[in-house]
C-alpha atoms as a PDB file:
ATOM      1  CA  MET A   1      17.106  15.744-163.251  1.00  0.00           C
ATOM      2  CA  HIS A   2      17.884  19.458-163.762  1.00  0.00           C
ATOM      3  CA  LYS A   3      14.385  20.001-165.191  1.00  0.00           C
ATOM      4  CA  ILE A   4      12.795  18.505-162.074  1.00  0.00           C
ATOM      5  CA  LYS A   5      14.934  20.701-159.772  1.00  0.00           C
ATOM      6  CA  TYR A   6      14.117  23.764-161.871  1.00  0.00           C
ATOM      7  CA  ILE A   7      10.366  23.054-161.823  1.00  0.00           C
ATOM      8  CA  LEU A   8      10.486  22.365-158.091  1.00  0.00           C
ATOM      9  CA  PHE A   9      12.396  25.614-157.523  1.00  0.00           C
ATOM     10  CA  LEU A  10       9.808  27.593-159.540  1.00  0.00           C
ATOM     11  CA  LEU A  11       6.933  25.939-157.677  1.00  0.00           C
ATOM     12  CA  ILE A  12       8.437  26.776-154.266  1.00  0.00           C
ATOM     13  CA  ALA A  13       9.244  30.347-155.350  1.00  0.00           C
ATOM     14  CA  PHE A  14       5.659  30.799-156.591  1.00  0.00           C
ATOM     15  CA  LEU A  15       4.176  29.470-153.358  1.00  0.00           C
ATOM     16  CA  PHE A  16       6.287  31.770-151.168  1.00  0.00           C
ATOM     17  CA  SER A  17       5.718  34.824-153.345  1.00  0.00           C
ATOM     18  CA  SER A  18       1.950  34.299-153.336  1.00  0.00           C
ATOM     19  CA  CYS A  19       1.740  34.109-149.547  1.00  0.00           C
ATOM     20  CA  GLY A  20       1.914  37.870-149.205  1.00  0.00           C
ATOM     21  CA  GLU A  21       3.127  39.822-146.215  1.00  0.00           C
ATOM     22  CA  ILE A  22       2.645  38.087-142.878  1.00  0.00           C
ATOM     23  CA  PHE A  23       3.718  40.884-140.493  1.00  0.00           C
ATOM     24  CA  LEU A  24       2.309  44.335-139.830  1.00  0.00           C
ATOM     25  CA  ASP A  25       5.196  46.719-140.503  1.00  0.00           C
ATOM     26  CA  LEU A  26       5.788  48.691-137.301  1.00  0.00           C
ATOM     27  CA  SER A  27       9.128  50.113-138.446  1.00  0.00           C
ATOM     28  CA  ASP A  28       7.649  53.636-138.591  1.00  0.00           C
ATOM     29  CA  VAL A  29       6.317  53.541-135.016  1.00  0.00           C
ATOM     30  CA  HIS A  30       8.353  55.548-132.508  1.00  0.00           C
ATOM     31  CA  CYS A  31       8.423  56.598-128.894  1.00  0.00           C
ATOM     32  CA  GLU A  32      10.776  58.896-127.023  1.00  0.00           C
ATOM     33  CA  LEU A  33      11.234  60.687-123.732  1.00  0.00           C
ATOM     34  CA  ASP A  34      11.683  64.462-123.703  1.00  0.00           C
ATOM     35  CA  LYS A  35      15.055  63.920-121.942  1.00  0.00           C
ATOM     36  CA  SER A  36      16.788  61.172-119.981  1.00  0.00           C
ATOM     37  CA  THR A  37      17.524  62.798-116.581  1.00  0.00           C
ATOM     38  CA  TYR A  38      14.829  64.178-114.272  1.00  0.00           C
ATOM     39  CA  ALA A  39      14.438  65.374-110.694  1.00  0.00           C
ATOM     40  CA  VAL A  40      12.225  63.482-108.233  1.00  0.00           C
ATOM     41  CA  ASN A  41       8.532  64.026-109.142  1.00  0.00           C
ATOM     42  CA  GLU A  42       9.428  66.056-112.241  1.00  0.00           C
ATOM     43  CA  PRO A  43       7.022  65.494-115.155  1.00  0.00           C
ATOM     44  CA  ILE A  44       8.352  62.943-117.667  1.00  0.00           C
ATOM     45  CA  THR A  45       6.828  63.068-121.148  1.00  0.00           C
ATOM     46  CA  LEU A  46       6.640  59.891-123.214  1.00  0.00           C
ATOM     47  CA  SER A  47       5.687  60.809-126.791  1.00  0.00           C
ATOM     48  CA  TYR A  48       4.602  58.132-129.237  1.00  0.00           C
ATOM     49  CA  TYR A  49       3.787  58.495-132.913  1.00  0.00           C
ATOM     50  CA  GLY A  50       3.837  56.612-136.157  1.00  0.00           C
ATOM     51  CA  SER A  51       2.300  55.850-139.503  1.00  0.00           C
ATOM     52  CA  PHE A  52       1.654  52.899-141.766  1.00  0.00           C
ATOM     53  CA  GLU A  53       2.443  52.468-145.433  1.00  0.00           C
ATOM     54  CA  ASP A  54      -1.048  51.204-146.270  1.00  0.00           C
ATOM     55  CA  SER A  55      -3.496  53.397-144.386  1.00  0.00           C
ATOM     56  CA  SER A  56      -6.533  51.667-145.921  1.00  0.00           C
ATOM     57  CA  ALA A  57      -6.154  48.614-143.668  1.00  0.00           C
ATOM     58  CA  ILE A  58      -8.504  48.279-140.677  1.00  0.00           C
ATOM     59  CA  GLY A  59      -6.850  47.141-137.484  1.00  0.00           C
ATOM     60  CA  SER A  60      -5.919  47.676-133.868  1.00  0.00           C
ATOM     61  CA  LEU A  61      -2.769  48.989-132.227  1.00  0.00           C
ATOM     62  CA  MET A  62      -1.810  49.186-128.576  1.00  0.00           C
ATOM     63  CA  PHE A  63       1.250  49.562-126.442  1.00  0.00           C
ATOM     64  CA  TYR A  64       2.157  48.592-122.943  1.00  0.00           C
ATOM     65  CA  PHE A  65       5.044  49.763-120.811  1.00  0.00           C
ATOM     66  CA  TYR A  66       6.667  49.498-117.444  1.00  0.00           C
ATOM     67  CA  VAL A  67       9.571  51.157-115.647  1.00  0.00           C
ATOM     68  CA  SER A  68      11.996  48.966-113.729  1.00  0.00           C
ATOM     69  CA  GLY A  69      14.928  49.727-111.460  1.00  0.00           C
ATOM     70  CA  GLU A  70      17.066  47.978-108.878  1.00  0.00           C
ATOM     71  CA  GLU A  71      14.031  47.458-106.624  1.00  0.00           C
ATOM     72  CA  GLY A  72      11.911  45.979-109.412  1.00  0.00           C
ATOM     73  CA  ILE A  73       8.922  47.491-111.192  1.00  0.00           C
ATOM     74  CA  GLN A  74       8.327  51.152-110.321  1.00  0.00           C
ATOM     75  CA  ILE A  75       4.834  52.501-109.640  1.00  0.00           C
ATOM     76  CA  LEU A  76       4.297  55.704-111.629  1.00  0.00           C
ATOM     77  CA  THR A  77       2.226  58.808-110.907  1.00  0.00           C
ATOM     78  CA  PHE A  78       0.274  60.036-113.946  1.00  0.00           C
ATOM     79  CA  TYR A  79      -0.970  63.508-114.769  1.00  0.00           C
ATOM     80  CA  ASP A  80      -4.743  63.440-115.325  1.00  0.00           C
ATOM     81  CA  ASP A  81      -4.765  65.420-118.577  1.00  0.00           C
ATOM     82  CA  TYR A  82      -2.134  63.197-120.191  1.00  0.00           C
ATOM     83  CA  GLN A  83      -3.113  59.581-119.801  1.00  0.00           C
ATOM     84  CA  PRO A  84      -5.150  58.834-122.934  1.00  0.00           C
ATOM     85  CA  GLY A  85      -7.015  55.575-122.403  1.00  0.00           C
ATOM     86  CA  LEU A  86      -4.384  54.364-119.950  1.00  0.00           C
ATOM     87  CA  THR A  87      -5.109  51.141-118.091  1.00  0.00           C
ATOM     88  CA  THR A  88      -3.067  49.868-115.161  1.00  0.00           C
ATOM     89  CA  ASP A  89      -2.353  46.260-114.301  1.00  0.00           C
ATOM     90  CA  VAL A  90      -1.831  46.662-110.563  1.00  0.00           C
ATOM     91  CA  ASP A  91      -0.609  43.095-110.176  1.00  0.00           C
ATOM     92  CA  ASP A  92       2.548  43.508-112.237  1.00  0.00           C
ATOM     93  CA  GLY A  93       3.066  47.302-112.444  1.00  0.00           C
ATOM     94  CA  SER A  94       2.557  47.540-116.200  1.00  0.00           C
ATOM     95  CA  TYR A  95       0.379  50.025-118.030  1.00  0.00           C
ATOM     96  CA  TYR A  96      -1.205  49.922-121.453  1.00  0.00           C
ATOM     97  CA  THR A  97      -3.291  52.011-123.816  1.00  0.00           C
ATOM     98  CA  VAL A  98      -5.181  51.234-126.992  1.00  0.00           C
ATOM     99  CA  ILE A  99      -4.140  53.586-129.796  1.00  0.00           C
ATOM    100  CA  LYS A 100      -6.456  52.206-132.496  1.00  0.00           C
ATOM    101  CA  GLU A 101      -9.303  49.749-132.150  1.00  0.00           C
ATOM    102  CA  CYS A 102     -10.860  48.351-135.340  1.00  0.00           C
ATOM    103  CA  GLU A 103     -10.171  51.520-137.312  1.00  0.00           C
ATOM    104  CA  LYS A 104      -8.062  52.665-140.255  1.00  0.00           C
ATOM    105  CA  MET A 105      -4.361  52.242-139.630  1.00  0.00           C
ATOM    106  CA  THR A 106      -3.538  55.892-140.230  1.00  0.00           C
ATOM    107  CA  SER A 107      -0.879  57.998-138.563  1.00  0.00           C
ATOM    108  CA  PHE A 108      -1.129  58.711-134.832  1.00  0.00           C
ATOM    109  CA  GLU A 109       0.555  60.965-132.284  1.00  0.00           C
ATOM    110  CA  ASP A 110       0.009  61.335-128.547  1.00  0.00           C
ATOM    111  CA  LYS A 111       1.820  61.517-125.214  1.00  0.00           C
ATOM    112  CA  ILE A 112       1.630  60.334-121.651  1.00  0.00           C
ATOM    113  CA  ILE A 113       3.052  62.363-118.763  1.00  0.00           C
ATOM    114  CA  PHE A 114       4.085  60.725-115.513  1.00  0.00           C
ATOM    115  CA  SER A 115       6.600  61.114-112.694  1.00  0.00           C
ATOM    116  CA  ILE A 116       8.787  58.903-110.530  1.00  0.00           C
ATOM    117  CA  SER A 117       9.104  59.614-106.811  1.00  0.00           C
ATOM    118  CA  GLU A 118      12.356  57.808-106.020  1.00  0.00           C
ATOM    119  CA  VAL A 119      15.983  58.577-106.937  1.00  0.00           C
ATOM    120  CA  GLY A 120      17.554  55.898-109.117  1.00  0.00           C
ATOM    121  CA  THR A 121      18.480  54.592-112.527  1.00  0.00           C
ATOM    122  CA  TYR A 122      15.617  52.997-114.422  1.00  0.00           C
ATOM    123  CA  LYS A 123      14.782  51.516-117.764  1.00  0.00           C
ATOM    124  CA  MET A 124      11.454  52.013-119.447  1.00  0.00           C
ATOM    125  CA  VAL A 125      10.327  49.183-121.715  1.00  0.00           C
ATOM    126  CA  VAL A 126       7.666  50.108-124.283  1.00  0.00           C
ATOM    127  CA  HIS A 127       6.143  47.353-126.403  1.00  0.00           C
ATOM    128  CA  PHE A 128       3.872  48.098-129.388  1.00  0.00           C
ATOM    129  CA  THR A 129       1.667  45.378-130.814  1.00  0.00           C
ATOM    130  CA  GLY A 130      -0.848  45.557-133.635  1.00  0.00           C
ATOM    131  CA  SER A 131      -2.879  43.582-136.105  1.00  0.00           C
ATOM    132  CA  THR A 132      -5.141  44.150-139.098  1.00  0.00           C
ATOM    133  CA  SER A 133      -8.173  42.403-140.508  1.00  0.00           C
ATOM    134  CA  GLU A 134      -6.425  41.859-143.830  1.00  0.00           C
ATOM    135  CA  PRO A 135      -6.928  38.399-145.389  1.00  0.00           C
ATOM    136  CA  ASN A 136      -3.585  37.288-143.947  1.00  0.00           C
ATOM    137  CA  HIS A 137      -4.389  38.766-140.506  1.00  0.00           C
ATOM    138  CA  LEU A 138      -1.230  40.839-140.414  1.00  0.00           C
ATOM    139  CA  SER A 139       0.276  41.280-136.976  1.00  0.00           C
ATOM    140  CA  GLY A 140       3.484  42.737-135.618  1.00  0.00           C
ATOM    141  CA  CYS A 141       5.276  43.993-132.565  1.00  0.00           C
ATOM    142  CA  TYR A 142       8.127  46.345-131.748  1.00  0.00           C
ATOM    143  CA  THR A 143       9.902  47.020-128.440  1.00  0.00           C
ATOM    144  CA  PHE A 144      11.843  50.069-127.233  1.00  0.00           C
ATOM    145  CA  THR A 145      14.000  50.351-124.103  1.00  0.00           C
ATOM    146  CA  LEU A 146      14.571  53.886-122.829  1.00  0.00           C
ATOM    147  CA  PRO A 147      16.924  54.862-119.962  1.00  0.00           C
ATOM    148  CA  ILE A 148      15.645  57.172-117.185  1.00  0.00           C
ATOM    149  CA  THR A 149      17.750  58.682-114.386  1.00  0.00           C
ATOM    150  CA  ILE A 150      16.037  60.332-111.403  1.00  0.00           C
ATOM    151  CA  THR A 151      18.106  62.703-109.244  1.00  0.00           C
ATOM    152  CA  GLU A 152      17.392  64.811-106.142  1.00  0.00           C
END
């Protein structure tokens, strides 16, 4: 009976170890605001950057974000020079940009600059999602929540 359990244990261990990684590791992907308190219509800089352990993989990476307050989703004003590939979903007030599209998953760094026109306390939710064309079709996601206070 112990031999059967041992063989079964080895078989299960072999099967799980041969499956490989199933998630794209986004633990080295970051985003941050230049500060947390701003005046009305003051430029707010959201910087995002990251790298991947295996830069030979081909894949795609994007992030979407929104800013919400007591009144719901906040419409943002963007500065023309700092909205790389930004797309707006007018229906729900979210924004997204594609960082990599079917290219090597190498390091990246960029920023988006926007402003908020109303006094209040807000939270910015930034959600990264990515995938590769590896045999296991690695995919992953990571979410950040950043506080923003707008004063007179």
